[in-house]
């Protein structure tokens, strides 16, 4: 290999890494700049003044950010509860029982992701208006759970499938009932995977906008809706601050997911 060839490979690698880093951190850096910008006019490359004026406005009682954040967290927690209430028995049945149409059932849970969201939400909104669920926390939670079940059921199924059958058999041979075996052996072993699925559902619900917009507006105001209203009004500082508020729990919970979701669970997803 020539001298030019030896330097070309590391150079290309460094350029690709730099491009990748810019694609990820460039928008985040712009978000942080807008969050602290007091004045930023074209054609200036950087803000002319920095400060916390817009932070004070966001966290003031009239800013409605804290109330919207509380609503978002409450909806996300309810969505997790509904999703796990379905995912735990469904995941156990799909993983441990010999179901004839297991593959089709798993694919059925993917349908909300396979179909475009917009027409689905429009039709759901029409139905919810007729039955009185539009503009309610319950209606928004049901919409969020329709997507959260995809992650919850698939990960729960993988978590139960990764458990060694001999452990359950040993408990049954010791005289444990089916419920006692599930409660004391199977469920604790599947808990890390279930925790990871709960976190994924929580984050997806926390960031959900389209379903909340069609079903919840104007009575249910979440942080993504507040960010949308600010950005549409041209108030990029407030939109950037609310985006950062949404970003913090996402990063924190993803670090937790990395700890709980083991390789043996990931290997069983979809099997």
Protein backbone atom coordinates (compact mmCIF):
# COMPACT_ATOMS: atom_id res chain seq x y z
CA UNK A 1 0.00 0.00 0.00
CA UNK A 2 1.28 3.45 -0.93
CA UNK A 3 1.85 6.24 1.58
CA UNK A 4 -1.20 8.09 0.24
CA UNK A 5 -3.31 4.98 0.66
CA UNK A 6 -2.23 4.58 4.29
CA UNK A 7 -3.37 8.10 5.12
CA UNK A 8 -6.52 7.93 2.97
CA UNK A 9 -8.30 5.23 5.00
CA UNK A 10 -7.99 6.96 8.42
CA UNK A 11 -8.91 10.27 6.78
CA UNK A 12 -12.08 8.86 5.24
CA UNK A 13 -12.95 7.20 8.54
CA UNK A 14 -12.43 10.46 10.43
CA UNK A 15 -14.57 12.37 7.92
CA UNK A 16 -17.39 9.83 8.23
CA UNK A 17 -17.26 10.00 12.03
CA UNK A 18 -17.25 13.80 11.91
CA UNK A 19 -20.21 13.81 9.51
CA UNK A 20 -22.10 11.37 11.71
CA UNK A 21 -21.38 13.43 14.83
CA UNK A 22 -22.51 16.61 13.08
CA UNK A 23 -25.76 14.97 11.96
CA UNK A 24 -26.51 14.01 15.57
CA UNK A 25 -25.10 16.85 17.64
CA UNK A 26 -25.54 19.69 15.14
CA UNK A 27 -29.33 19.98 15.62
CA UNK A 28 -28.89 19.56 19.38
CA UNK A 29 -26.36 22.38 19.49
CA UNK A 30 -28.74 24.60 17.50
CA UNK A 31 -31.50 23.69 19.96
CA UNK A 32 -29.37 24.73 22.93
CA UNK A 33 -28.43 28.02 21.24
CA UNK A 34 -32.07 28.87 20.59
CA UNK A 35 -32.98 27.97 24.18
CA UNK A 36 -30.64 30.63 25.56
CA UNK A 37 -30.88 33.19 22.75
CA UNK A 38 -32.37 36.53 23.69
CA UNK A 39 -31.84 38.06 20.25
CA UNK A 40 -30.88 36.22 17.09
CA UNK A 41 -31.46 37.86 13.75
CA UNK A 42 -30.45 36.99 10.21
CA UNK A 43 -27.67 37.06 8.96
CA UNK A 44 -25.92 36.56 12.34
CA UNK A 45 -24.41 33.09 12.66
CA UNK A 46 -24.75 33.12 16.48
CA UNK A 47 -27.19 34.76 18.90
CA UNK A 48 -26.57 38.44 19.57
CA UNK A 49 -27.62 38.17 23.24
CA UNK A 50 -27.94 35.28 25.69
CA UNK A 51 -30.12 35.03 28.78
CA UNK A 52 -32.85 33.22 30.72
CA UNK A 53 -35.81 35.47 29.90
CA UNK A 54 -37.63 32.80 27.92
CA UNK A 55 -36.87 30.15 30.56
CA UNK A 56 -38.62 32.35 33.11
CA UNK A 57 -41.54 32.75 30.74
CA UNK A 58 -41.81 29.00 30.17
CA UNK A 59 -41.76 28.16 33.89
CA UNK A 60 -44.09 30.99 34.90
CA UNK A 61 -47.70 30.05 35.75
CA UNK A 62 -48.85 31.56 32.46
CA UNK A 63 -46.26 29.56 30.54
CA UNK A 64 -48.18 26.34 31.22
CA UNK A 65 -45.02 24.25 30.75
CA UNK A 66 -45.06 22.56 34.15
CA UNK A 67 -48.77 21.76 33.88
CA UNK A 68 -48.26 20.36 30.37
CA UNK A 69 -45.28 18.32 31.55
CA UNK A 70 -47.34 16.93 34.42
CA UNK A 71 -50.12 16.00 32.00
CA UNK A 72 -47.62 14.33 29.66
CA UNK A 73 -46.07 12.29 32.47
CA UNK A 74 -49.48 11.28 33.85
CA UNK A 75 -50.67 10.15 30.41
CA UNK A 76 -47.42 8.25 29.85
CA UNK A 77 -47.75 6.44 33.20
CA UNK A 78 -51.34 5.46 32.46
CA UNK A 79 -50.29 4.28 28.99
CA UNK A 80 -47.59 2.11 30.55
CA UNK A 81 -50.12 0.61 32.98
CA UNK A 82 -52.62 -0.19 30.22
CA UNK A 83 -49.94 -1.58 27.90
CA UNK A 84 -48.37 -3.82 30.55
CA UNK A 85 -51.78 -5.04 31.70
CA UNK A 86 -52.22 -6.45 28.19
CA UNK A 87 -48.58 -7.22 27.37
CA UNK A 88 -47.73 -9.38 30.40
CA UNK A 89 -50.43 -12.05 29.88
CA UNK A 90 -50.18 -11.76 26.09
CA UNK A 91 -46.39 -11.96 26.12
CA UNK A 92 -46.45 -14.97 28.45
CA UNK A 93 -49.00 -16.77 26.30
CA UNK A 94 -47.09 -16.04 23.10
CA UNK A 95 -43.78 -17.15 24.61
CA UNK A 96 -44.70 -20.13 26.79
CA UNK A 97 -47.85 -21.61 25.26
CA UNK A 98 -48.08 -23.47 21.98
CA UNK A 99 -50.38 -21.15 20.06
CA UNK A 100 -51.30 -22.12 16.53
CA UNK A 101 -51.40 -18.61 15.08
CA UNK A 102 -48.58 -17.15 17.13
CA UNK A 103 -46.82 -15.48 14.19
CA UNK A 104 -50.03 -13.87 12.95
CA UNK A 105 -50.86 -12.60 16.44
CA UNK A 106 -47.46 -10.95 16.72
CA UNK A 107 -47.92 -9.40 13.29
CA UNK A 108 -51.35 -8.13 14.32
CA UNK A 109 -49.72 -6.05 17.05
CA UNK A 110 -47.56 -4.45 14.34
CA UNK A 111 -50.55 -3.18 12.35
CA UNK A 112 -50.70 0.22 14.12
CA UNK A 113 -47.11 0.83 12.97
CA UNK A 114 -47.67 -0.52 9.46
CA UNK A 115 -50.66 1.73 8.69
CA UNK A 116 -50.12 5.50 8.21
CA UNK A 117 -50.95 7.26 11.46
CA UNK A 118 -52.83 10.27 10.12
CA UNK A 119 -55.89 8.55 8.59
CA UNK A 120 -56.09 6.21 11.59
CA UNK A 121 -56.12 9.10 14.07
CA UNK A 122 -58.70 11.01 12.04
CA UNK A 123 -61.07 8.04 12.13
CA UNK A 124 -60.37 7.38 15.82
CA UNK A 125 -61.13 11.02 16.58
CA UNK A 126 -64.50 10.73 14.82
CA UNK A 127 -65.40 7.63 16.81
CA UNK A 128 -64.23 9.17 20.10
CA UNK A 129 -66.29 12.31 19.48
CA UNK A 130 -69.39 10.16 19.16
CA UNK A 131 -68.80 8.19 22.35
CA UNK A 132 -67.52 11.11 24.44
CA UNK A 133 -63.83 10.19 24.68
CA UNK A 134 -62.53 13.10 22.62
CA UNK A 135 -60.79 15.75 24.68
CA UNK A 136 -60.28 13.37 27.62
CA UNK A 137 -57.24 11.80 29.26
CA UNK A 138 -58.82 8.37 28.76
CA UNK A 139 -59.13 8.88 25.01
CA UNK A 140 -55.51 10.05 24.69
CA UNK A 141 -54.26 7.11 26.78
CA UNK A 142 -56.13 4.63 24.55
CA UNK A 143 -54.58 6.17 21.44
CA UNK A 144 -51.10 6.07 22.95
CA UNK A 145 -51.61 2.48 24.13
CA UNK A 146 -52.50 1.35 20.60
CA UNK A 147 -48.89 2.08 19.64
CA UNK A 148 -47.35 1.24 22.98
CA UNK A 149 -48.70 -2.31 22.78
CA UNK A 150 -46.43 -3.01 19.82
CA UNK A 151 -43.30 -2.48 21.90
CA UNK A 152 -44.78 -3.87 25.11
CA UNK A 153 -46.02 -7.17 23.67
CA UNK A 154 -42.99 -7.90 21.52
CA UNK A 155 -40.47 -7.15 24.26
CA UNK A 156 -42.53 -8.95 26.92
CA UNK A 157 -42.79 -11.99 24.68
CA UNK A 158 -39.02 -11.95 24.18
CA UNK A 159 -38.44 -11.55 27.92
CA UNK A 160 -40.57 -14.58 28.78
CA UNK A 161 -39.12 -16.62 25.91
CA UNK A 162 -35.56 -16.05 27.19
CA UNK A 163 -36.33 -17.82 30.50
CA UNK A 164 -35.13 -21.39 30.78
CA UNK A 165 -38.06 -23.84 30.91
CA UNK A 166 -36.24 -26.02 33.42
CA UNK A 167 -36.57 -23.33 36.10
CA UNK A 168 -40.36 -23.41 35.88
CA UNK A 169 -40.34 -27.20 35.75
CA UNK A 170 -38.20 -27.34 38.89
CA UNK A 171 -40.63 -25.08 40.73
CA UNK A 172 -43.61 -27.18 39.65
CA UNK A 173 -41.82 -30.38 40.74
CA UNK A 174 -41.35 -28.80 44.18
CA UNK A 175 -45.12 -28.49 44.46
CA UNK A 176 -45.63 -24.89 43.39
CA UNK A 177 -48.89 -24.10 41.65
CA UNK A 178 -48.95 -22.50 38.21
CA UNK A 179 -49.72 -19.08 39.71
CA UNK A 180 -47.04 -19.41 42.39
CA UNK A 181 -44.50 -20.48 39.77
CA UNK A 182 -45.37 -17.50 37.59
CA UNK A 183 -45.33 -15.05 40.49
CA UNK A 184 -42.12 -16.23 42.20
CA UNK A 185 -40.03 -17.56 39.31
CA UNK A 186 -41.13 -16.44 35.85
CA UNK A 187 -42.17 -12.85 36.56
CA UNK A 188 -39.02 -11.87 38.54
CA UNK A 189 -36.79 -13.33 35.82
CA UNK A 190 -38.72 -11.45 33.11
CA UNK A 191 -38.77 -8.21 35.14
CA UNK A 192 -35.73 -6.57 33.43
CA UNK A 193 -37.28 -7.05 30.00
CA UNK A 194 -40.66 -5.85 31.24
CA UNK A 195 -38.99 -2.79 32.78
CA UNK A 196 -37.34 -2.04 29.44
CA UNK A 197 -40.66 -2.38 27.60
CA UNK A 198 -42.31 -0.06 30.14
CA UNK A 199 -39.61 2.56 29.55
CA UNK A 200 -39.99 2.34 25.77
CA UNK A 201 -43.77 2.75 26.07
CA UNK A 202 -43.31 5.67 28.48
CA UNK A 203 -40.94 7.48 26.14
CA UNK A 204 -43.12 6.94 23.08
CA UNK A 205 -46.16 8.24 24.95
CA UNK A 206 -44.22 11.20 26.32
CA UNK A 207 -43.19 12.27 22.81
CA UNK A 208 -46.46 11.43 21.04
CA UNK A 209 -47.96 14.38 19.21
CA UNK A 210 -50.26 13.37 16.33
CA UNK A 211 -52.65 11.17 18.29
CA UNK A 212 -52.83 13.69 21.13
CA UNK A 213 -53.51 16.49 18.66
CA UNK A 214 -56.46 14.79 16.99
CA UNK A 215 -58.00 13.24 20.11
CA UNK A 216 -57.01 15.54 23.00
CA UNK A 217 -57.10 19.12 21.65
CA UNK A 218 -58.15 21.54 23.05
CA UNK A 219 -58.84 20.10 26.49
CA UNK A 220 -55.71 17.97 26.91
CA UNK A 221 -52.48 19.97 26.57
CA UNK A 222 -49.23 18.00 26.66
CA UNK A 223 -45.68 19.26 26.31
CA UNK A 224 -45.33 18.21 22.63
CA UNK A 225 -48.48 20.19 21.85
CA UNK A 226 -47.08 23.19 23.69
CA UNK A 227 -43.86 22.89 21.68
CA UNK A 228 -45.86 22.68 18.43
CA UNK A 229 -47.90 25.76 19.28
CA UNK A 230 -44.75 27.72 20.13
CA UNK A 231 -42.96 26.71 16.93
CA UNK A 232 -45.98 27.49 14.75
CA UNK A 233 -46.17 30.91 16.40
CA UNK A 234 -42.53 31.58 15.52
CA UNK A 235 -41.39 31.51 19.15
CA UNK A 236 -38.38 29.26 18.62
CA UNK A 237 -36.91 29.95 22.06
CA UNK A 238 -39.90 28.50 23.89
CA UNK A 239 -40.14 25.63 21.40
CA UNK A 240 -36.46 24.82 21.97
CA UNK A 241 -36.82 24.93 25.75
CA UNK A 242 -39.78 22.54 25.70
CA UNK A 243 -37.87 20.26 23.32
CA UNK A 244 -34.98 20.14 25.79
CA UNK A 245 -37.41 19.31 28.59
CA UNK A 246 -38.60 16.34 26.53
CA UNK A 247 -35.06 15.33 25.65
CA UNK A 248 -33.78 14.98 29.22
CA UNK A 249 -36.03 12.07 30.33
CA UNK A 250 -35.54 10.38 26.96
CA UNK A 251 -31.76 10.28 27.37
CA UNK A 252 -31.98 9.26 31.03
CA UNK A 253 -34.41 6.42 30.39
CA UNK A 254 -32.48 5.14 27.38
CA UNK A 255 -29.44 4.74 29.62
CA UNK A 256 -31.62 2.71 31.97
CA UNK A 257 -32.89 0.59 29.07
CA UNK A 258 -29.31 -0.24 28.10
CA UNK A 259 -28.85 -1.68 31.58
CA UNK A 260 -32.06 -3.71 31.73
CA UNK A 261 -32.44 -4.99 28.17
CA UNK A 262 -29.91 -7.80 27.88
CA UNK A 263 -28.62 -9.47 24.73
CA UNK A 264 -30.44 -12.74 25.46
CA UNK A 265 -33.75 -10.86 25.52
CA UNK A 266 -32.99 -9.01 22.28
CA UNK A 267 -32.13 -12.31 20.61
CA UNK A 268 -35.64 -13.61 21.31
CA UNK A 269 -37.56 -10.62 19.86
CA UNK A 270 -39.95 -11.89 17.21
CA UNK A 271 -39.21 -15.57 17.83
